[in-house]
Structure formats: C-alpha cells, structure tokens
Amino acid sequence: MDLEIDDPRDNEVQVQMVASGMCHSDDHMATGDMTPGIYPFAGGHEGAGIVTKAGRNGKGLKEGDHVVFSFLPACGHCRWCASGMQNLCDLGATLLSGARWGDPTDFRVKLADSGQPVGQMCGISTFLQTTTVSADSAVKVPDDIPLDKACLVGCGVGTGWGSAVNAAQVQPGHTVIVMGIGGIGINAVQGAAHAGASNIIAVDPVAFKREKAQELGATHAVESMEEATELARQFTNGQGADSAIVTVGVTTGEHVAQAFSAIRKAGTAVVTGLGDMTEANLPIAISELTLFQKRLQGAMFGMSNPNWDILRQLQLYRDGVLKLDELITKTYSLDEIAQGYQDMHDGKNIRGVIVY
C-alpha cells in the first residue's frame, strides 16, 4: 500500500531501509498469537538502513549515518536502563500499540489515500521502505559493515546469543541443549560455543536445521528432546544438562516442561520462544523446582543491552568470531515477503532477509 511517512521530530530519525530480517515474532502477529493495538499495522522489527533526515537528538545521529534498529528501545535513564538492563526499558511497555511511546494517538505512518493511522511494529516497522523512528531505537554502526548482514543483530542474533551467554550463563565445559533451531536457536548455539560449552546439543525435527546447527557450533544434533535429554545424561554421569534453552518458534508449556526435566540440579531452563500469549499453564512439578533448586529463566532480547551489545556483536563479526553471512538462507524483495514466511514455515530458512 502507498503510505505517508512523517518527517522526524525531536529525538527521531527517518531511515531509508537497506535490509530487514524476517523474524518469527512478526508471524505471531499474523497468526494471532500476538495482537497489535491498531489495524492496519506495519510489521518488521529487525532492520538496518541509512538516515535520510534527523531531528535534534541526544545520540548525535545525522543524515548519512548507518544504523541498526534495536527492536527494544532504550531511553537510558529509567530504572532498568540505569541498572544495566536496557532490554527491560520502560519504553517497551507500548511496543505493540503501534503509536509513539506514551501517546496512543500519536502516529508517524498513515495511509496515503485516507490519512488513516498505521501502527508501527515496535515503533520501527522495518517492512517499510522508509520509516521514521525514535532515536531510542537506533544504534549507529560503522559504515564498512554490510547492512544486509548487520540487520540481524537487531533481534535474532542478540536474542539467541544472549540467551546462552547472559540468561543461561553458559561456562566452559558445560553441556547445553538448544531446543528449536531457527533464527534465534542458531544464535543460541553460537553463543554457547563462544562461552566454551563442551557439549552443545541442537534439537530440531528438520534435518536441514540440524545440519546448519553443526556448522555453527553444535557438537550433536538430534530430532527430539528425548534423545537430547538422554545424551546430556550420558555426558554428565546421569545428572542432566547444565542448561536447556527453549527457542521453539511457537513455544508451549510442554516445551518448557521438557527443557525443565532435561536439566540437572541447580541447572537453568531458559525460555526465549513465544507462543499463545493467553496461555498460562506450565506442567512442571513444584517439588522438582524446589528440591532440585532448578532455575526457570525468561529471556527478553537475550538480556542484551542494545546500545552496547549490538556494536559488540558487530565487532565479533568483524573479527570472524560471530557468523552472520552463514545465517542468511535466502534473500527476498519486499513483494516476496509472503513467500519468505512460507519458506520459514516449511523449514527451508534459518533466516530470510528482505533486501530493498
């Protein structure tokens, strides 16, 4: 559809998009697992581009700057930002409203023919060729890093990598299970490998994804959690995995229960995947939680601090430590987006990327 995009106001920039990753979270909007605050709603939350206009802003962002979007904005001064938890910034409370933070009537995108407001996914909407966003959502990156690769660190890479490094606190010698090898799980594999895990067991029913996991750091790859749990026990004298990370595309309570059962005493089950947001049942034994001192840990953006971790991960990419090129299975044009998501459902993609 033809849209009108407002010029940036103070603390905002307008960005010509170069590339956008196709994350499963946007598909949750299409299936109804997550619901926006307004329709129509422009999706996309993993992207990178070049600033074309800039309002006055404290970050010093200006025309010509290359930026990667963080799908979670960071104001820098709320309780969470000030204590090193930018991923929990208070601005995130209205990410699905489609409007600007703090004002449910304030929109930057409208239908060209009628002027009807259009909601922006996470306040950024990377499925637009041009978008106007808060400077709180943009991180300036070096000009020499290809933006069609850099876009991935705005969501999938940081979420998966951080789920292992930050949330699971993987240490050298650990045995780790990663459940679900998509755009998030593959980076949990990379994170566990970087942290020095001895055994990294990737779990996915799709053979292509198991093969990809082994290319990017998994030591073993199996079809089911039953196989993964048995392997972990073999490696640990029957104790179980040190951590199990749930990155299934549509996560259910049963997935969480399987991960919880697979870990040792004082182990950690990290839940990163999303599913039906109205579901509120976890079939786990309270006695196992208490008596075995297990930890059940949620992970939002992999507990990352976007203003620092996005640049850190891009430096790891420059150094050849973090793989980004290998994550991209296929690129698409914007009008091929439906095919891209169908390929995701069919298990053909680790990550599809729209290139503008």
Protein backbone atom coordinates (compact mmCIF):
# COMPACT_ATOMS: atom_id res chain seq x y z
CA MET A 1 0.00 0.00 0.00
CA ASP A 2 1.06 3.61 -0.52
CA LEU A 3 1.87 5.33 2.76
CA GLU A 4 2.76 8.78 4.01
CA ILE A 5 5.72 8.87 6.40
CA ASP A 6 6.06 11.89 8.70
CA ASP A 7 9.31 13.79 8.90
CA PRO A 8 11.24 13.20 12.11
CA ARG A 9 10.59 15.35 15.17
CA ASP A 10 12.99 15.93 18.03
CA ASN A 11 14.67 12.69 19.13
CA GLU A 12 13.64 10.98 15.88
CA VAL A 13 15.27 9.99 12.59
CA GLN A 14 13.95 8.97 9.20
CA VAL A 15 15.68 5.97 7.68
CA GLN A 16 15.83 4.55 4.18
CA MET A 17 15.81 0.82 4.78
CA VAL A 18 18.54 -1.37 3.30
CA ALA A 19 17.56 -4.74 4.74
CA SER A 20 15.15 -6.39 7.15
CA GLY A 21 15.33 -9.79 8.77
CA MET A 22 12.15 -11.87 8.75
CA CYS A 23 11.65 -12.88 12.37
CA HIS A 24 9.03 -15.31 13.65
CA SER A 25 7.65 -12.67 16.01
CA ASP A 26 6.08 -10.84 13.06
CA ASP A 27 4.41 -14.09 12.07
CA HIS A 28 2.94 -14.26 15.59
CA MET A 29 1.13 -11.04 14.69
CA ALA A 30 -0.31 -12.67 11.58
CA THR A 31 -1.47 -15.82 13.39
CA GLY A 32 -2.98 -14.00 16.36
CA ASP A 33 -0.57 -15.31 19.00
CA MET A 34 0.23 -11.62 19.49
CA THR A 35 -2.20 -8.81 18.71
CA PRO A 36 -1.39 -5.19 17.86
CA GLY A 37 -3.15 -2.22 19.37
CA ILE A 38 -4.34 -0.93 15.99
CA TYR A 39 -5.02 -2.07 12.44
CA PRO A 40 -3.68 -1.60 9.84
CA PHE A 41 -0.28 -2.47 11.31
CA ALA A 42 3.09 -2.39 9.52
CA GLY A 43 5.34 -5.25 10.59
CA GLY A 44 9.08 -5.77 10.76
CA HIS A 45 11.37 -5.20 13.72
CA GLU A 46 14.82 -6.43 12.64
CA GLY A 47 16.38 -3.97 10.23
CA ALA A 48 19.16 -1.63 9.18
CA GLY A 49 19.38 1.39 6.93
CA ILE A 50 20.75 4.87 6.30
CA VAL A 51 19.49 8.04 7.98
CA THR A 52 17.95 10.44 5.45
CA LYS A 53 16.60 13.05 7.90
CA ALA A 54 17.31 13.68 11.56
CA GLY A 55 15.64 15.75 14.24
CA ARG A 56 17.60 17.09 17.18
CA ASN A 57 18.67 14.10 19.25
CA GLY A 58 20.98 13.32 22.11
CA LYS A 59 22.70 10.48 20.24
CA GLY A 60 24.12 12.80 17.59
CA LEU A 61 22.51 10.82 14.76
CA LYS A 62 22.65 12.70 11.46
CA GLU A 63 21.91 12.32 7.76
CA GLY A 64 24.09 9.65 6.16
CA ASP A 65 24.66 7.63 9.32
CA HIS A 66 24.30 3.86 9.07
CA VAL A 67 22.04 2.50 11.79
CA VAL A 68 20.80 -0.83 13.08
CA PHE A 69 17.47 -0.81 14.87
CA SER A 70 17.04 -2.36 18.28
CA PHE A 71 13.53 -3.79 18.41
CA LEU A 72 13.57 -2.74 22.08
CA PRO A 73 14.11 1.00 22.59
CA ALA A 74 16.39 2.15 25.40
CA CYS A 75 15.77 5.55 26.98
CA GLY A 76 18.97 5.38 29.03
CA HIS A 77 17.56 6.79 32.26
CA CYS A 78 14.69 4.64 33.57
CA ARG A 79 15.37 2.24 36.45
CA TRP A 80 16.12 -0.65 34.08
CA CYS A 81 18.43 1.22 31.71
CA ALA A 82 20.26 2.84 34.60
CA SER A 83 20.89 -0.54 36.21
CA GLY A 84 22.24 -2.18 33.05
CA MET A 85 19.04 -3.86 31.86
CA GLN A 86 18.23 -1.87 28.73
CA ASN A 87 16.24 -4.80 27.35
CA LEU A 88 13.62 -4.09 30.04
CA CYS A 89 13.41 -0.33 29.37
CA ASP A 90 10.04 1.14 30.36
CA LEU A 91 9.54 2.33 26.76
CA GLY A 92 8.95 -1.30 25.80
CA ALA A 93 5.54 -1.30 27.50
CA THR A 94 3.77 0.07 24.40
CA LEU A 95 5.71 -1.67 21.62
CA LEU A 96 2.61 -3.33 20.19
CA SER A 97 0.37 -0.26 20.43
CA GLY A 98 1.68 0.97 17.08
CA ALA A 99 1.91 4.54 18.38
CA ARG A 100 4.72 6.64 19.82
CA TRP A 101 5.70 5.92 23.40
CA GLY A 102 3.36 7.50 25.93
CA ASP A 103 0.73 8.79 23.47
CA PRO A 104 -1.70 6.23 21.97
CA THR A 105 -2.94 8.83 19.46
CA ASP A 106 0.47 9.79 18.02
CA PHE A 107 1.44 8.01 14.76
CA ARG A 108 4.17 8.61 12.16
CA VAL A 109 2.72 6.48 9.34
CA LYS A 110 -0.62 6.95 7.56
CA LEU A 111 -2.43 5.56 4.52
CA ALA A 112 -1.80 7.90 1.60
CA ASP A 113 -5.36 7.83 0.28
CA SER A 114 -7.29 8.29 3.53
CA GLY A 115 -4.87 9.54 6.17
CA GLN A 116 -5.81 6.62 8.42
CA PRO A 117 -3.11 5.92 11.03
CA VAL A 118 -0.93 2.84 10.55
CA GLY A 119 0.68 1.17 13.57
CA GLN A 120 4.42 0.54 13.62
CA MET A 121 5.74 -2.78 14.93
CA CYS A 122 8.00 -1.97 17.91
CA GLY A 123 7.85 1.66 16.80
CA ILE A 124 10.08 0.94 13.78
CA SER A 125 8.33 -1.19 11.11
CA THR A 126 11.25 -2.48 9.06
CA PHE A 127 8.89 -3.84 6.38
CA LEU A 128 8.60 -0.25 5.11
CA GLN A 129 10.98 1.12 2.50
CA THR A 130 11.26 4.33 4.54
CA THR A 131 10.43 4.64 8.22
CA THR A 132 10.53 7.31 10.92
CA VAL A 133 11.64 6.06 14.32
CA SER A 134 12.68 7.23 17.76
CA ALA A 135 16.41 7.74 18.24
CA ASP A 136 15.98 5.45 21.26
CA SER A 137 15.55 2.58 18.77
CA ALA A 138 18.56 3.33 16.54
CA VAL A 139 22.22 2.42 17.05
CA LYS A 140 24.85 4.00 14.82
CA VAL A 141 27.18 1.38 13.33
CA PRO A 142 30.42 1.59 11.29
CA ASP A 143 29.91 2.36 7.59
CA ASP A 144 32.05 -0.56 6.43
CA ILE A 145 29.80 -3.28 7.86
CA PRO A 146 27.29 -4.59 5.28
CA LEU A 147 23.82 -3.63 6.46
CA ASP A 148 22.17 -6.70 4.92
CA LYS A 149 24.14 -8.72 7.50
CA ALA A 150 24.17 -6.17 10.31
CA CYS A 151 20.36 -6.05 10.42
CA LEU A 152 20.36 -9.46 12.10
CA VAL A 153 21.90 -8.18 15.34
CA GLY A 154 18.84 -6.02 15.99
CA CYS A 155 16.85 -9.02 17.18
CA GLY A 156 17.69 -12.63 16.29
CA VAL A 157 21.42 -12.67 16.96
CA GLY A 158 21.28 -10.77 20.24
CA THR A 159 18.28 -12.74 21.45
CA GLY A 160 19.81 -16.15 20.76
CA TRP A 161 23.42 -15.34 21.64
CA GLY A 162 22.36 -13.62 24.85
CA SER A 163 20.05 -16.47 25.82
CA ALA A 164 23.15 -18.65 26.12
CA VAL A 165 25.76 -16.15 27.30
CA ASN A 166 23.62 -13.98 29.60
CA ALA A 167 20.49 -15.91 30.57
CA ALA A 168 21.86 -19.46 30.76
CA GLN A 169 25.28 -18.23 31.91
CA VAL A 170 26.99 -20.98 29.93
CA GLN A 171 30.52 -21.67 31.13
CA PRO A 172 33.48 -23.62 29.72
CA GLY A 173 32.84 -27.35 29.94
CA HIS A 174 29.05 -27.08 30.18
CA THR A 175 26.54 -29.32 28.46
CA VAL A 176 23.82 -27.26 26.79
CA ILE A 177 20.61 -28.19 24.95
CA VAL A 178 19.18 -25.75 22.42
CA MET A 179 15.58 -26.64 21.57
CA GLY A 180 14.45 -25.31 18.19
CA ILE A 181 16.96 -24.23 15.54
CA GLY A 182 15.57 -21.19 13.78
CA GLY A 183 16.80 -17.61 13.65
CA ILE A 184 17.04 -17.49 17.45
CA GLY A 185 18.16 -21.03 18.26
CA ILE A 186 21.03 -21.00 15.78
CA ASN A 187 22.47 -17.99 17.62
CA ALA A 188 21.98 -19.66 21.00
CA VAL A 189 24.21 -22.39 19.53
CA GLN A 190 26.78 -19.75 18.55
CA GLY A 191 26.59 -18.15 21.99
CA ALA A 192 27.06 -21.47 23.80
CA ALA A 193 30.05 -22.25 21.59
CA HIS A 194 31.60 -18.82 22.28
CA ALA A 195 31.11 -19.34 26.02
CA GLY A 196 33.09 -22.59 25.85
CA ALA A 197 30.47 -25.31 26.26
CA SER A 198 31.91 -28.79 25.68
CA ASN A 199 28.63 -30.35 24.53
CA ILE A 200 26.04 -28.39 22.57
CA ILE A 201 23.03 -30.50 21.62
CA ALA A 202 20.78 -28.95 18.96
CA VAL A 203 17.21 -30.25 18.77
CA ASP A 204 15.04 -29.88 15.69
CA PRO A 205 12.89 -32.25 13.61
CA VAL A 206 14.15 -30.67 10.36
CA ALA A 207 17.34 -32.26 9.03
CA PHE A 208 18.48 -29.07 7.26
CA LYS A 209 18.37 -27.15 10.55
CA ARG A 210 20.27 -29.85 12.41
CA GLU A 211 22.99 -29.75 9.77
CA LYS A 212 23.17 -25.95 9.98
CA ALA A 213 23.47 -26.10 13.76
CA GLN A 214 26.50 -28.36 13.50
CA GLU A 215 28.10 -25.97 11.01
CA LEU A 216 27.76 -23.12 13.53
CA GLY A 217 28.96 -24.84 16.68
CA ALA A 218 26.68 -27.66 17.80
CA THR A 219 28.56 -30.83 18.75
CA HIS A 220 25.46 -33.01 18.38
CA ALA A 221 22.11 -32.64 16.65
CA VAL A 222 19.01 -34.76 17.27
CA GLU A 223 15.34 -34.80 16.33
CA SER A 224 13.69 -34.89 19.76
CA MET A 225 14.08 -33.75 23.35
CA GLU A 226 14.00 -37.37 24.48
CA GLU A 227 17.20 -38.01 22.52
CA ALA A 228 18.76 -34.77 23.71
CA THR A 229 17.98 -35.47 27.36
CA GLU A 230 19.48 -38.95 27.17
CA LEU A 231 22.61 -37.61 25.50
CA ALA A 232 23.01 -34.91 28.13
CA ARG A 233 22.78 -37.52 30.88
CA GLN A 234 25.39 -39.66 29.18
CA PHE A 235 27.77 -36.68 29.12
CA THR A 236 27.17 -35.77 32.79
CA ASN A 237 27.15 -39.08 34.64
CA GLY A 238 23.36 -39.06 34.72
CA GLN A 239 22.96 -35.53 36.09
CA GLY A 240 21.44 -33.79 33.06
CA ALA A 241 22.27 -30.68 31.05
CA ASP A 242 23.66 -27.61 32.78
CA SER A 243 21.14 -25.57 30.80
CA ALA A 244 18.40 -26.01 28.24
CA ILE A 245 17.36 -23.09 26.05
CA VAL A 246 13.86 -23.08 24.54
CA THR A 247 13.80 -21.27 21.20
CA VAL A 248 10.89 -23.07 19.54
CA GLY A 249 9.01 -20.92 17.01
CA VAL A 250 5.64 -21.45 18.72
CA THR A 251 6.52 -22.30 22.31
CA THR A 252 4.08 -24.20 24.53
CA GLY A 253 4.06 -25.17 28.18
CA GLU A 254 5.02 -28.70 27.20
CA HIS A 255 8.21 -27.45 25.54
CA VAL A 256 9.16 -25.65 28.75
CA ALA A 257 8.42 -28.77 30.80
CA GLN A 258 10.67 -30.88 28.58
CA ALA A 259 13.53 -28.42 28.99
CA PHE A 260 12.98 -28.26 32.74
CA SER A 261 13.15 -32.05 33.00
CA ALA A 262 16.37 -32.19 30.99
CA ILE A 263 18.48 -30.05 33.33
CA ARG A 264 20.49 -31.10 36.37
CA LYS A 265 20.07 -29.98 39.96
CA ALA A 266 20.68 -26.21 40.13
CA GLY A 267 20.53 -26.11 36.32
CA THR A 268 18.81 -23.43 34.25
CA ALA A 269 15.95 -23.69 31.77
CA VAL A 270 15.83 -20.53 29.64
CA VAL A 271 12.56 -19.69 27.88
CA THR A 272 13.11 -17.38 24.91
CA GLY A 273 10.44 -18.54 22.44
CA LEU A 274 6.94 -17.09 22.28
CA GLY A 275 3.59 -18.73 21.71
CA ASP A 276 -0.03 -18.00 22.53
CA MET A 277 0.23 -15.06 24.93
CA THR A 278 -3.02 -16.04 26.66
CA GLU A 279 -1.64 -19.44 27.67
CA ALA A 280 -0.77 -19.60 31.37
CA ASN A 281 -0.07 -23.22 32.22
CA LEU A 282 3.34 -24.77 32.87
CA PRO A 283 3.15 -28.52 33.58
CA ILE A 284 6.17 -28.68 35.87
CA ALA A 285 6.44 -30.20 39.33
CA ILE A 286 6.79 -27.65 42.11
CA SER A 287 8.72 -30.23 44.12
CA GLU A 288 11.29 -30.54 41.33
CA LEU A 289 11.64 -26.77 41.19
CA THR A 290 12.12 -26.50 44.94
CA LEU A 291 14.00 -29.62 45.96
CA PHE A 292 16.34 -29.71 42.97
CA GLN A 293 16.90 -25.95 43.13
CA LYS A 294 16.33 -25.58 39.40
CA ARG A 295 16.04 -22.17 37.79
CA LEU A 296 13.39 -21.20 35.25
CA GLN A 297 14.60 -18.07 33.46
CA GLY A 298 12.84 -15.85 30.93
CA ALA A 299 14.98 -14.04 28.38
CA MET A 300 13.92 -10.81 26.65
CA PHE A 301 16.33 -9.95 23.80
CA GLY A 302 18.74 -12.37 25.45
CA MET A 303 19.15 -9.95 28.39
CA SER A 304 21.12 -7.73 25.99
CA ASN A 305 21.93 -4.04 26.38
CA PRO A 306 21.33 -2.96 22.78
CA ASN A 307 23.37 0.26 22.75
CA TRP A 308 26.43 -1.78 23.70
CA ASP A 309 25.76 -5.34 22.60
CA ILE A 310 24.81 -4.51 19.00
CA LEU A 311 28.23 -2.89 18.49
CA ARG A 312 29.99 -5.64 20.42
CA GLN A 313 28.43 -8.33 18.26
CA LEU A 314 29.31 -6.49 15.06
CA GLN A 315 32.91 -6.31 16.26
CA LEU A 316 32.81 -10.08 16.85
CA TYR A 317 31.54 -10.39 13.27
CA ARG A 318 34.44 -8.24 12.02
CA ASP A 319 36.84 -10.43 13.97
CA GLY A 320 35.46 -13.59 12.34
CA VAL A 321 34.15 -14.93 15.64
CA LEU A 322 30.41 -14.38 15.13
CA LYS A 323 28.94 -15.68 11.90
CA LEU A 324 26.27 -13.59 10.21
CA ASP A 325 26.61 -14.35 6.49
CA GLU A 326 26.01 -18.04 7.18
CA LEU A 327 22.72 -17.31 8.96
CA ILE A 328 21.06 -15.97 5.82
CA THR A 329 19.48 -18.79 3.88
CA LYS A 330 17.82 -16.65 1.22
CA THR A 331 17.11 -13.00 0.39
CA TYR A 332 13.80 -11.67 -0.87
CA SER A 333 12.35 -8.48 -2.27
CA LEU A 334 9.58 -6.81 -0.26
CA ASP A 335 6.85 -8.13 -2.55
CA GLU A 336 8.12 -11.68 -1.89
CA ILE A 337 7.55 -11.41 1.86
CA ALA A 338 4.68 -13.92 1.91
CA GLN A 339 6.87 -16.49 0.17
CA GLY A 340 9.63 -15.80 2.69
CA TYR A 341 7.35 -16.60 5.60
CA GLN A 342 6.02 -19.67 3.85
CA ASP A 343 9.63 -20.86 3.45
CA MET A 344 10.09 -20.30 7.19
CA HIS A 345 7.04 -22.45 7.98
CA ASP A 346 8.26 -25.12 5.59
CA GLY A 347 11.58 -25.35 7.44
CA LYS A 348 13.62 -24.06 4.49
CA ASN A 349 15.09 -20.98 6.18
CA ILE A 350 17.31 -20.27 9.12
CA ARG A 351 16.83 -16.58 8.39
CA GLY A 352 15.27 -14.93 5.39
CA VAL A 353 16.23 -11.31 4.72
CA ILE A 354 14.41 -8.67 2.71
CA VAL A 355 16.83 -6.56 0.69
CA TYR A 356 15.47 -3.23 -0.52
